Amino acid sequence: MTLNNKTMVKAVIALTLVTVLSGCSNWSKRNRNTAIGAGIGAIGGSVLTHGDGLGTLGGAALGGVIGHQSGN
């Protein structure tokens, strides 16, 4: 049985996501919203700037600020 690269990448991403999210169980609602906003902002910034690193970082920063402000 052989695994192609896409399958391996998906498995690694899924395992990483589960590991990272399990460490967030004791976070406050505001901290979770900040992290979620930063993640969504990074994805949005990357898509809008076609993978530019600066656009990704800017999106993450903006998303984190919005997520932080929306959490009470």
Protein backbone atom coordinates (compact mmCIF):
# COMPACT_ATOMS: atom_id res chain seq x y z
CA MET A 1 0.00 0.00 0.00
CA THR A 2 1.37 3.40 -0.95
CA LEU A 3 0.32 6.84 0.17
CA ASN A 4 0.59 9.83 -2.10
CA ASN A 5 1.82 13.22 -0.93
CA LYS A 6 -1.63 14.81 -0.68
CA THR A 7 -2.83 12.09 1.68
CA MET A 8 0.23 12.52 3.88
CA VAL A 9 -0.17 16.30 3.96
CA LYS A 10 -3.85 15.98 4.94
CA ALA A 11 -3.00 13.52 7.71
CA VAL A 12 -0.25 15.77 9.10
CA ILE A 13 -2.52 18.84 9.00
CA ALA A 14 -5.34 16.97 10.74
CA LEU A 15 -3.02 15.66 13.46
CA THR A 16 -1.48 19.09 13.98
CA LEU A 17 -4.89 20.74 14.19
CA VAL A 18 -6.12 18.25 16.80
CA THR A 19 -2.96 18.68 18.85
CA VAL A 20 -3.07 22.47 18.75
CA LEU A 21 -6.77 22.72 19.53
CA SER A 22 -6.50 20.34 22.48
CA GLY A 23 -4.17 22.84 24.15
CA CYS A 24 -6.81 25.58 23.91
CA SER A 25 -9.40 23.96 26.16
CA ASN A 26 -8.79 26.26 29.13
CA TRP A 27 -8.65 29.52 27.17
CA SER A 28 -11.10 32.31 27.83
CA LYS A 29 -13.72 33.16 25.23
CA ARG A 30 -11.82 36.31 24.28
CA ASN A 31 -8.56 34.40 23.76
CA ARG A 32 -10.31 31.80 21.60
CA ASN A 33 -11.97 34.51 19.51
CA THR A 34 -8.60 36.23 19.06
CA ALA A 35 -6.97 33.01 17.84
CA ILE A 36 -9.88 32.15 15.55
CA GLY A 37 -9.91 35.69 14.14
CA ALA A 38 -6.17 35.56 13.50
CA GLY A 39 -6.49 32.22 11.72
CA ILE A 40 -9.37 33.35 9.54
CA GLY A 41 -7.62 36.66 8.86
CA ALA A 42 -4.43 34.86 7.82
CA ILE A 43 -6.34 32.69 5.38
CA GLY A 44 -8.23 35.69 4.01
CA GLY A 45 -5.06 37.76 3.70
CA SER A 46 -3.29 34.94 1.93
CA VAL A 47 -6.14 34.43 -0.52
CA LEU A 48 -6.55 38.13 -1.27
CA THR A 49 -2.83 38.68 -1.84
CA HIS A 50 -2.23 35.38 -3.67
CA GLY A 51 0.00 33.92 -0.97
CA ASP A 52 2.08 36.99 -0.18
CA GLY A 53 3.64 36.66 3.27
CA LEU A 54 3.05 40.27 4.24
CA GLY A 55 -0.61 40.03 3.23
CA THR A 56 -0.99 36.87 5.30
CA LEU A 57 0.56 38.50 8.37
CA GLY A 58 -1.53 41.63 7.90
CA GLY A 59 -4.69 39.54 7.64
CA ALA A 60 -3.76 37.61 10.77
CA ALA A 61 -3.11 40.81 12.70
CA LEU A 62 -6.35 42.43 11.58
CA GLY A 63 -8.35 39.25 12.22
CA GLY A 64 -6.81 38.88 15.68
CA VAL A 65 -7.75 42.44 16.61
CA ILE A 66 -11.32 41.97 15.36
CA GLY A 67 -11.61 38.63 17.18
CA HIS A 68 -10.25 40.16 20.38
CA GLN A 69 -12.70 43.05 20.24
CA SER A 70 -15.69 40.79 19.56
CA GLY A 71 -15.02 38.53 22.58
CA ASN A 72 -16.38 39.50 25.96
